[in-house]
Amino acid sequence: MDILVRINKELTFFMSSFHRKKAPMSEALPCPECGKTQMIRVVETCQLADGLTVKKLGHYKCRSCGSRFFDDDAMHGIQAARASHRSLARSC
């Protein structure tokens, strides 16, 4: 979790209006799993371990080992997809 927080802080900057904005991702970051500098931000469909599929999920993925890391925005997207999935399952 500390690594994700560190990554999120490195990628966030403040403008004079104090609105948070994501910095453009220009270079790969070191992967906490394999240590190679191959981790990039991607947007793709992810199937999670519990079988839930989340479309267009922005997250970090290592090009070397394939490990995925989810920042706060990604976790909010996953939580929203789970809530939507639960409400659809109850209505059937």
PDB file of N, CA and C in Angstrom:
ATOM      1  N   MET A   1       0.820  -1.193   0.000  1.00  0.00           N
ATOM      2  CA  MET A   1       0.000   0.000   0.000  1.00  0.00           C
ATOM      3  C   MET A   1       0.863   1.255   0.000  1.00  0.00           C
ATOM      4  N   ASP A   2       1.986   1.231   0.726  1.00  0.00           N
ATOM      5  CA  ASP A   2       2.870   2.393   0.763  1.00  0.00           C
ATOM      6  C   ASP A   2       3.379   2.740  -0.625  1.00  0.00           C
ATOM      7  N   ILE A   3       3.646   1.711  -1.425  1.00  0.00           N
ATOM      8  CA  ILE A   3       4.166   1.945  -2.774  1.00  0.00           C
ATOM      9  C   ILE A   3       3.110   2.654  -3.621  1.00  0.00           C
ATOM     10  N   LEU A   4       1.855   2.194  -3.518  1.00  0.00           N
ATOM     11  CA  LEU A   4       0.793   2.818  -4.309  1.00  0.00           C
ATOM     12  C   LEU A   4       0.587   4.266  -3.898  1.00  0.00           C
ATOM     13  N   VAL A   5       0.671   4.524  -2.614  1.00  0.00           N
ATOM     14  CA  VAL A   5       0.527   5.897  -2.149  1.00  0.00           C
ATOM     15  C   VAL A   5       1.667   6.742  -2.689  1.00  0.00           C
ATOM     16  N   ARG A   6       2.895   6.211  -2.640  1.00  0.00           N
ATOM     17  CA  ARG A   6       4.057   6.931  -3.141  1.00  0.00           C
ATOM     18  C   ARG A   6       3.900   7.201  -4.630  1.00  0.00           C
ATOM     19  N   ILE A   7       3.474   6.211  -5.381  1.00  0.00           N
ATOM     20  CA  ILE A   7       3.288   6.382  -6.821  1.00  0.00           C
ATOM     21  C   ILE A   7       2.225   7.444  -7.076  1.00  0.00           C
ATOM     22  N   ASN A   8       1.115   7.356  -6.354  1.00  0.00           N
ATOM     23  CA  ASN A   8       0.027   8.308  -6.550  1.00  0.00           C
ATOM     24  C   ASN A   8       0.494   9.726  -6.242  1.00  0.00           C
ATOM     25  N   LYS A   9       1.289   9.904  -5.208  1.00  0.00           N
ATOM     26  CA  LYS A   9       1.782  11.235  -4.873  1.00  0.00           C
ATOM     27  C   LYS A   9       2.751  11.747  -5.930  1.00  0.00           C
ATOM     28  N   GLU A  10       3.562  10.861  -6.488  1.00  0.00           N
ATOM     29  CA  GLU A  10       4.504  11.278  -7.528  1.00  0.00           C
ATOM     30  C   GLU A  10       3.778  11.712  -8.796  1.00  0.00           C
ATOM     31  N   LEU A  11       2.627  11.146  -9.046  1.00  0.00           N
ATOM     32  CA  LEU A  11       1.915  11.424 -10.288  1.00  0.00           C
ATOM     33  C   LEU A  11       0.900  12.554 -10.154  1.00  0.00           C
ATOM     34  N   THR A  12       0.800  13.122  -8.976  1.00  0.00           N
ATOM     35  CA  THR A  12      -0.160  14.182  -8.752  1.00  0.00           C
ATOM     36  C   THR A  12       0.566  15.494  -8.514  1.00  0.00           C
ATOM     37  N   PHE A  13       0.081  16.549  -9.128  1.00  0.00           N
ATOM     38  CA  PHE A  13       0.671  17.849  -8.875  1.00  0.00           C
ATOM     39  C   PHE A  13      -0.450  18.868  -8.671  1.00  0.00           C
ATOM     40  N   PHE A  14      -0.109  19.994  -8.109  1.00  0.00           N
ATOM     41  CA  PHE A  14      -1.102  21.012  -7.813  1.00  0.00           C
ATOM     42  C   PHE A  14      -0.886  22.217  -8.710  1.00  0.00           C
ATOM     43  N   MET A  15      -1.986  22.786  -9.153  1.00  0.00           N
ATOM     44  CA  MET A  15      -1.930  24.009  -9.936  1.00  0.00           C
ATOM     45  C   MET A  15      -2.306  25.163  -9.011  1.00  0.00           C
ATOM     46  N   SER A  16      -2.189  26.365  -9.475  1.00  0.00           N
ATOM     47  CA  SER A  16      -2.467  27.521  -8.636  1.00  0.00           C
ATOM     48  C   SER A  16      -3.914  27.559  -8.160  1.00  0.00           C
ATOM     49  N   SER A  17      -4.815  26.901  -8.863  1.00  0.00           N
ATOM     50  CA  SER A  17      -6.220  26.880  -8.460  1.00  0.00           C
ATOM     51  C   SER A  17      -6.500  25.830  -7.383  1.00  0.00           C
ATOM     52  N   PHE A  18      -5.492  25.052  -7.022  1.00  0.00           N
ATOM     53  CA  PHE A  18      -5.570  24.002  -6.013  1.00  0.00           C
ATOM     54  C   PHE A  18      -6.438  22.819  -6.423  1.00  0.00           C
ATOM     55  N   HIS A  19      -6.725  22.669  -7.687  1.00  0.00           N
ATOM     56  CA  HIS A  19      -7.422  21.479  -8.165  1.00  0.00           C
ATOM     57  C   HIS A  19      -6.384  20.419  -8.470  1.00  0.00           C
ATOM     58  N   ARG A  20      -6.632  19.204  -7.976  1.00  0.00           N
ATOM     59  CA  ARG A  20      -5.686  18.122  -8.234  1.00  0.00           C
ATOM     60  C   ARG A  20      -5.803  17.690  -9.685  1.00  0.00           C
ATOM     61  N   LYS A  21      -4.682  17.422 -10.275  1.00  0.00           N
ATOM     62  CA  LYS A  21      -4.647  17.008 -11.660  1.00  0.00           C
ATOM     63  C   LYS A  21      -3.561  15.961 -11.817  1.00  0.00           C
ATOM     64  N   LYS A  22      -3.808  14.951 -12.632  1.00  0.00           N
ATOM     65  CA  LYS A  22      -2.812  13.907 -12.858  1.00  0.00           C
ATOM     66  C   LYS A  22      -1.731  14.435 -13.806  1.00  0.00           C
ATOM     67  N   ALA A  23      -0.501  14.156 -13.448  1.00  0.00           N
ATOM     68  CA  ALA A  23       0.619  14.509 -14.311  1.00  0.00           C
ATOM     69  C   ALA A  23       0.674  13.512 -15.466  1.00  0.00           C
ATOM     70  N   PRO A  24       1.081  13.942 -16.631  1.00  0.00           N
ATOM     71  CA  PRO A  24       1.201  13.002 -17.744  1.00  0.00           C
ATOM     72  C   PRO A  24       2.273  11.967 -17.444  1.00  0.00           C
ATOM     73  N   MET A  25       1.990  10.724 -17.792  1.00  0.00           N
ATOM     74  CA  MET A  25       2.923   9.623 -17.546  1.00  0.00           C
ATOM     75  C   MET A  25       3.891   9.539 -18.706  1.00  0.00           C
ATOM     76  N   SER A  26       5.130   9.927 -18.483  1.00  0.00           N
ATOM     77  CA  SER A  26       6.080   9.961 -19.584  1.00  0.00           C
ATOM     78  C   SER A  26       7.094   8.829 -19.529  1.00  0.00           C
ATOM     79  N   GLU A  27       7.332   8.261 -18.360  1.00  0.00           N
ATOM     80  CA  GLU A  27       8.306   7.179 -18.290  1.00  0.00           C
ATOM     81  C   GLU A  27       7.836   6.101 -17.331  1.00  0.00           C
ATOM     82  N   ALA A  28       8.359   4.901 -17.518  1.00  0.00           N
ATOM     83  CA  ALA A  28       7.974   3.759 -16.700  1.00  0.00           C
ATOM     84  C   ALA A  28       8.527   3.897 -15.282  1.00  0.00           C
ATOM     85  N   LEU A  29       7.814   3.279 -14.341  1.00  0.00           N
ATOM     86  CA  LEU A  29       8.212   3.280 -12.942  1.00  0.00           C
ATOM     87  C   LEU A  29       8.755   1.909 -12.558  1.00  0.00           C
ATOM     88  N   PRO A  30       9.511   1.809 -11.463  1.00  0.00           N
ATOM     89  CA  PRO A  30       9.985   0.492 -11.027  1.00  0.00           C
ATOM     90  C   PRO A  30       8.828  -0.348 -10.476  1.00  0.00           C
ATOM     91  N   CYS A  31       8.815  -1.611 -10.813  1.00  0.00           N
ATOM     92  CA  CYS A  31       7.781  -2.534 -10.360  1.00  0.00           C
ATOM     93  C   CYS A  31       8.132  -3.046  -8.961  1.00  0.00           C
ATOM     94  N   PRO A  32       7.194  -2.980  -8.014  1.00  0.00           N
ATOM     95  CA  PRO A  32       7.460  -3.490  -6.669  1.00  0.00           C
ATOM     96  C   PRO A  32       7.634  -5.010  -6.629  1.00  0.00           C
ATOM     97  N   GLU A  33       7.121  -5.725  -7.608  1.00  0.00           N
ATOM     98  CA  GLU A  33       7.229  -7.189  -7.639  1.00  0.00           C
ATOM     99  C   GLU A  33       8.565  -7.666  -8.205  1.00  0.00           C
ATOM    100  N   CYS A  34       8.909  -7.217  -9.407  1.00  0.00           N
ATOM    101  CA  CYS A  34      10.110  -7.737 -10.079  1.00  0.00           C
ATOM    102  C   CYS A  34      11.287  -6.759 -10.038  1.00  0.00           C
ATOM    103  N   GLY A  35      11.022  -5.485  -9.709  1.00  0.00           N
ATOM    104  CA  GLY A  35      12.086  -4.497  -9.605  1.00  0.00           C
ATOM    105  C   GLY A  35      12.494  -3.843 -10.916  1.00  0.00           C
ATOM    106  N   LYS A  36      11.984  -4.332 -12.025  1.00  0.00           N
ATOM    107  CA  LYS A  36      12.339  -3.740 -13.321  1.00  0.00           C
ATOM    108  C   LYS A  36      11.558  -2.456 -13.552  1.00  0.00           C
ATOM    109  N   THR A  37      12.155  -1.540 -14.257  1.00  0.00           N
ATOM    110  CA  THR A  37      11.505  -0.256 -14.554  1.00  0.00           C
ATOM    111  C   THR A  37      10.648  -0.420 -15.800  1.00  0.00           C
ATOM    112  N   GLN A  38       9.532  -1.135 -15.627  1.00  0.00           N
ATOM    113  CA  GLN A  38       8.649  -1.447 -16.745  1.00  0.00           C
ATOM    114  C   GLN A  38       7.182  -1.203 -16.418  1.00  0.00           C
ATOM    115  N   MET A  39       6.885  -0.541 -15.296  1.00  0.00           N
ATOM    116  CA  MET A  39       5.503  -0.334 -14.895  1.00  0.00           C
ATOM    117  C   MET A  39       4.962   0.946 -15.532  1.00  0.00           C
ATOM    118  N   ILE A  40       3.857   0.786 -16.260  1.00  0.00           N
ATOM    119  CA  ILE A  40       3.241   1.913 -16.960  1.00  0.00           C
ATOM    120  C   ILE A  40       1.755   1.983 -16.620  1.00  0.00           C
ATOM    121  N   ARG A  41       1.173   3.137 -16.878  1.00  0.00           N
ATOM    122  CA  ARG A  41      -0.272   3.304 -16.678  1.00  0.00           C
ATOM    123  C   ARG A  41      -0.974   2.830 -17.937  1.00  0.00           C
ATOM    124  N   VAL A  42      -1.983   1.980 -17.749  1.00  0.00           N
ATOM    125  CA  VAL A  42      -2.767   1.447 -18.859  1.00  0.00           C
ATOM    126  C   VAL A  42      -4.250   1.592 -18.552  1.00  0.00           C
ATOM    127  N   VAL A  43      -5.055   1.542 -19.588  1.00  0.00           N
ATOM    128  CA  VAL A  43      -6.510   1.476 -19.446  1.00  0.00           C
ATOM    129  C   VAL A  43      -6.943   0.267 -20.250  1.00  0.00           C
ATOM    130  N   GLU A  44      -7.505  -0.713 -19.541  1.00  0.00           N
ATOM    131  CA  GLU A  44      -7.912  -1.945 -20.211  1.00  0.00           C
ATOM    132  C   GLU A  44      -8.996  -2.641 -19.398  1.00  0.00           C
ATOM    133  N   THR A  45      -9.604  -3.648 -19.982  1.00  0.00           N
ATOM    134  CA  THR A  45     -10.588  -4.460 -19.287  1.00  0.00           C
ATOM    135  C   THR A  45      -9.845  -5.439 -18.395  1.00  0.00           C
ATOM    136  N   CYS A  46     -10.248  -5.503 -17.123  1.00  0.00           N
ATOM    137  CA  CYS A  46      -9.591  -6.397 -16.162  1.00  0.00           C
ATOM    138  C   CYS A  46     -10.594  -7.388 -15.605  1.00  0.00           C
ATOM    139  N   GLN A  47     -10.179  -8.656 -15.564  1.00  0.00           N
ATOM    140  CA  GLN A  47     -10.979  -9.653 -14.867  1.00  0.00           C
ATOM    141  C   GLN A  47     -10.294  -9.901 -13.533  1.00  0.00           C
ATOM    142  N   LEU A  48     -11.011  -9.648 -12.453  1.00  0.00           N
ATOM    143  CA  LEU A  48     -10.458  -9.772 -11.112  1.00  0.00           C
ATOM    144  C   LEU A  48     -10.538 -11.217 -10.631  1.00  0.00           C
ATOM    145  N   ALA A  49      -9.850 -11.507  -9.534  1.00  0.00           N
ATOM    146  CA  ALA A  49      -9.769 -12.865  -9.007  1.00  0.00           C
ATOM    147  C   ALA A  49     -11.138 -13.451  -8.666  1.00  0.00           C
ATOM    148  N   ASP A  50     -12.092 -12.603  -8.278  1.00  0.00           N
ATOM    149  CA  ASP A  50     -13.429 -13.087  -7.931  1.00  0.00           C
ATOM    150  C   ASP A  50     -14.340 -13.241  -9.146  1.00  0.00           C
ATOM    151  N   GLY A  51     -13.805 -13.011 -10.341  1.00  0.00           N
ATOM    152  CA  GLY A  51     -14.572 -13.191 -11.571  1.00  0.00           C
ATOM    153  C   GLY A  51     -15.205 -11.927 -12.114  1.00  0.00           C
ATOM    154  N   LEU A  52     -15.206 -10.852 -11.344  1.00  0.00           N
ATOM    155  CA  LEU A  52     -15.783  -9.588 -11.799  1.00  0.00           C
ATOM    156  C   LEU A  52     -14.925  -9.009 -12.924  1.00  0.00           C
ATOM    157  N   THR A  53     -15.574  -8.568 -13.985  1.00  0.00           N
ATOM    158  CA  THR A  53     -14.887  -7.918 -15.087  1.00  0.00           C
ATOM    159  C   THR A  53     -15.191  -6.434 -15.054  1.00  0.00           C
ATOM    160  N   VAL A  54     -14.139  -5.619 -15.078  1.00  0.00           N
ATOM    161  CA  VAL A  54     -14.289  -4.162 -15.050  1.00  0.00           C
ATOM    162  C   VAL A  54     -13.734  -3.618 -16.364  1.00  0.00           C
ATOM    163  N   LYS A  55     -14.577  -2.957 -17.136  1.00  0.00           N
ATOM    164  CA  LYS A  55     -14.163  -2.408 -18.429  1.00  0.00           C
ATOM    165  C   LYS A  55     -13.517  -1.042 -18.248  1.00  0.00           C
ATOM    166  N   LYS A  56     -12.567  -0.738 -19.107  1.00  0.00           N
ATOM    167  CA  LYS A  56     -11.889   0.572 -19.152  1.00  0.00           C
ATOM    168  C   LYS A  56     -11.364   1.005 -17.785  1.00  0.00           C
ATOM    169  N   LEU A  57     -10.652   0.109 -17.127  1.00  0.00           N
ATOM    170  CA  LEU A  57     -10.102   0.396 -15.805  1.00  0.00           C
ATOM    171  C   LEU A  57      -8.674   0.925 -15.943  1.00  0.00           C
ATOM    172  N   GLY A  58      -8.435   2.135 -15.484  1.00  0.00           N
ATOM    173  CA  GLY A  58      -7.089   2.710 -15.481  1.00  0.00           C
ATOM    174  C   GLY A  58      -6.314   2.182 -14.294  1.00  0.00           C
ATOM    175  N   HIS A  59      -5.128   1.647 -14.524  1.00  0.00           N
ATOM    176  CA  HIS A  59      -4.301   1.096 -13.463  1.00  0.00           C
ATOM    177  C   HIS A  59      -2.857   1.010 -13.943  1.00  0.00           C
ATOM    178  N   TYR A  60      -1.975   0.526 -13.092  1.00  0.00           N
ATOM    179  CA  TYR A  60      -0.564   0.360 -13.441  1.00  0.00           C
ATOM    180  C   TYR A  60      -0.288  -1.102 -13.694  1.00  0.00           C
ATOM    181  N   LYS A  61       0.475  -1.377 -14.744  1.00  0.00           N
ATOM    182  CA  LYS A  61       0.790  -2.757 -15.115  1.00  0.00           C
ATOM    183  C   LYS A  61       2.256  -2.847 -15.506  1.00  0.00           C
ATOM    184  N   CYS A  62       2.927  -3.863 -14.990  1.00  0.00           N
ATOM    185  CA  CYS A  62       4.328  -4.081 -15.325  1.00  0.00           C
ATOM    186  C   CYS A  62       4.418  -4.813 -16.662  1.00  0.00           C
ATOM    187  N   ARG A  63       5.169  -4.239 -17.582  1.00  0.00           N
ATOM    188  CA  ARG A  63       5.348  -4.864 -18.898  1.00  0.00           C
ATOM    189  C   ARG A  63       6.255  -6.082 -18.813  1.00  0.00           C
ATOM    190  N   SER A  64       6.992  -6.224 -17.729  1.00  0.00           N
ATOM    191  CA  SER A  64       7.910  -7.344 -17.581  1.00  0.00           C
ATOM    192  C   SER A  64       7.233  -8.564 -16.954  1.00  0.00           C
ATOM    193  N   CYS A  65       6.666  -8.397 -15.754  1.00  0.00           N
ATOM    194  CA  CYS A  65       6.097  -9.542 -15.036  1.00  0.00           C
ATOM    195  C   CYS A  65       4.571  -9.612 -15.097  1.00  0.00           C
ATOM    196  N   GLY A  66       3.912  -8.539 -15.560  1.00  0.00           N
ATOM    197  CA  GLY A  66       2.459  -8.540 -15.696  1.00  0.00           C
ATOM    198  C   GLY A  66       1.690  -8.188 -14.431  1.00  0.00           C
ATOM    199  N   SER A  67       2.386  -7.871 -13.343  1.00  0.00           N
ATOM    200  CA  SER A  67       1.702  -7.500 -12.099  1.00  0.00           C
ATOM    201  C   SER A  67       0.904  -6.223 -12.306  1.00  0.00           C
ATOM    202  N   ARG A  68      -0.240  -6.155 -11.627  1.00  0.00           N
ATOM    203  CA  ARG A  68      -1.112  -4.982 -11.730  1.00  0.00           C
ATOM    204  C   ARG A  68      -1.221  -4.324 -10.371  1.00  0.00           C
ATOM    205  N   PHE A  69      -1.283  -2.995 -10.381  1.00  0.00           N
ATOM    206  CA  PHE A  69      -1.404  -2.219  -9.157  1.00  0.00           C
ATOM    207  C   PHE A  69      -2.495  -1.179  -9.368  1.00  0.00           C
ATOM    208  N   PHE A  70      -3.383  -1.072  -8.366  1.00  0.00           N
ATOM    209  CA  PHE A  70      -4.541  -0.194  -8.479  1.00  0.00           C
ATOM    210  C   PHE A  70      -4.394   0.987  -7.528  1.00  0.00           C
ATOM    211  N   ASP A  71      -4.497   2.195  -8.078  1.00  0.00           N
ATOM    212  CA  ASP A  71      -4.458   3.402  -7.249  1.00  0.00           C
ATOM    213  C   ASP A  71      -5.869   3.697  -6.748  1.00  0.00           C
ATOM    214  N   ASP A  72      -6.047   4.823  -6.067  1.00  0.00           N
ATOM    215  CA  ASP A  72      -7.354   5.167  -5.498  1.00  0.00           C
ATOM    216  C   ASP A  72      -8.442   5.248  -6.561  1.00  0.00           C
ATOM    217  N   ASP A  73      -8.141   5.860  -7.694  1.00  0.00           N
ATOM    218  CA  ASP A  73      -9.143   5.988  -8.760  1.00  0.00           C
ATOM    219  C   ASP A  73      -9.589   4.616  -9.260  1.00  0.00           C
ATOM    220  N   ALA A  74      -8.649   3.706  -9.431  1.00  0.00           N
ATOM    221  CA  ALA A  74      -8.972   2.357  -9.890  1.00  0.00           C
ATOM    222  C   ALA A  74      -9.811   1.623  -8.847  1.00  0.00           C
ATOM    223  N   MET A  75      -9.451   1.769  -7.578  1.00  0.00           N
ATOM    224  CA  MET A  75     -10.211   1.100  -6.512  1.00  0.00           C
ATOM    225  C   MET A  75     -11.648   1.627  -6.447  1.00  0.00           C
ATOM    226  N   HIS A  76     -11.828   2.920  -6.666  1.00  0.00           N
ATOM    227  CA  HIS A  76     -13.185   3.472  -6.700  1.00  0.00           C
ATOM    228  C   HIS A  76     -13.968   2.889  -7.878  1.00  0.00           C
ATOM    229  N   GLY A  77     -13.302   2.722  -9.015  1.00  0.00           N
ATOM    230  CA  GLY A  77     -13.945   2.116 -10.179  1.00  0.00           C
ATOM    231  C   GLY A  77     -14.338   0.666  -9.917  1.00  0.00           C
ATOM    232  N   ILE A  78     -13.471  -0.077  -9.241  1.00  0.00           N
ATOM    233  CA  ILE A  78     -13.765  -1.472  -8.902  1.00  0.00           C
ATOM    234  C   ILE A  78     -14.940  -1.538  -7.930  1.00  0.00           C
ATOM    235  N   GLN A  79     -14.931  -0.679  -6.918  1.00  0.00           N
ATOM    236  CA  GLN A  79     -16.032  -0.660  -5.947  1.00  0.00           C
ATOM    237  C   GLN A  79     -17.355  -0.311  -6.617  1.00  0.00           C
ATOM    238  N   ALA A  80     -17.338   0.636  -7.541  1.00  0.00           N
ATOM    239  CA  ALA A  80     -18.559   1.011  -8.261  1.00  0.00           C
ATOM    240  C   ALA A  80     -19.056  -0.150  -9.127  1.00  0.00           C
ATOM    241  N   ALA A  81     -18.141  -0.847  -9.770  1.00  0.00           N
ATOM    242  CA  ALA A  81     -18.521  -1.995 -10.609  1.00  0.00           C
ATOM    243  C   ALA A  81     -19.105  -3.114  -9.751  1.00  0.00           C
ATOM    244  N   ARG A  82     -18.519  -3.348  -8.569  1.00  0.00           N
ATOM    245  CA  ARG A  82     -19.054  -4.374  -7.659  1.00  0.00           C
ATOM    246  C   ARG A  82     -20.461  -4.006  -7.186  1.00  0.00           C
ATOM    247  N   ALA A  83     -20.660  -2.742  -6.817  1.00  0.00           N
ATOM    248  CA  ALA A  83     -21.974  -2.299  -6.354  1.00  0.00           C
ATOM    249  C   ALA A  83     -23.015  -2.448  -7.473  1.00  0.00           C
ATOM    250  N   SER A  84     -22.638  -2.084  -8.677  1.00  0.00           N
ATOM    251  CA  SER A  84     -23.536  -2.214  -9.815  1.00  0.00           C
ATOM    252  C   SER A  84     -23.859  -3.678 -10.096  1.00  0.00           C
ATOM    253  N   HIS A  85     -22.846  -4.522  -9.994  1.00  0.00           N
ATOM    254  CA  HIS A  85     -23.023  -5.958 -10.244  1.00  0.00           C
ATOM    255  C   HIS A  85     -23.965  -6.569  -9.205  1.00  0.00           C
ATOM    256  N   ARG A  86     -23.793  -6.166  -7.934  1.00  0.00           N
ATOM    257  CA  ARG A  86     -24.658  -6.671  -6.861  1.00  0.00           C
ATOM    258  C   ARG A  86     -26.111  -6.237  -7.055  1.00  0.00           C
ATOM    259  N   SER A  87     -26.305  -4.984  -7.456  1.00  0.00           N
ATOM    260  CA  SER A  87     -27.675  -4.497  -7.633  1.00  0.00           C
ATOM    261  C   SER A  87     -28.346  -5.180  -8.826  1.00  0.00           C
ATOM    262  N   LEU A  88     -27.577  -5.483  -9.865  1.00  0.00           N
ATOM    263  CA  LEU A  88     -28.141  -6.218 -11.018  1.00  0.00           C
ATOM    264  C   LEU A  88     -28.479  -7.647 -10.637  1.00  0.00           C
ATOM    265  N   ALA A  89     -27.633  -8.280  -9.816  1.00  0.00           N
ATOM    266  CA  ALA A  89     -27.863  -9.663  -9.398  1.00  0.00           C
ATOM    267  C   ALA A  89     -29.102  -9.770  -8.522  1.00  0.00           C
ATOM    268  N   ARG A  90     -29.356  -8.770  -7.692  1.00  0.00           N
ATOM    269  CA  ARG A  90     -30.525  -8.787  -6.807  1.00  0.00           C
ATOM    270  C   ARG A  90     -31.825  -8.593  -7.590  1.00  0.00           C
ATOM    271  N   SER A  91     -31.756  -7.843  -8.673  1.00  0.00           N
ATOM    272  CA  SER A  91     -32.980  -7.561  -9.425  1.00  0.00           C
ATOM    273  C   SER A  91     -33.408  -8.711 -10.318  1.00  0.00           C
ATOM    274  N   CYS A  92     -32.545  -9.702 -10.503  1.00  0.00           N
ATOM    275  CA  CYS A  92     -32.885 -10.852 -11.374  1.00  0.00           C
ATOM    276  C   CYS A  92     -33.692 -11.895 -10.660  1.00  0.00           C
TER     277      CYS A  92
END
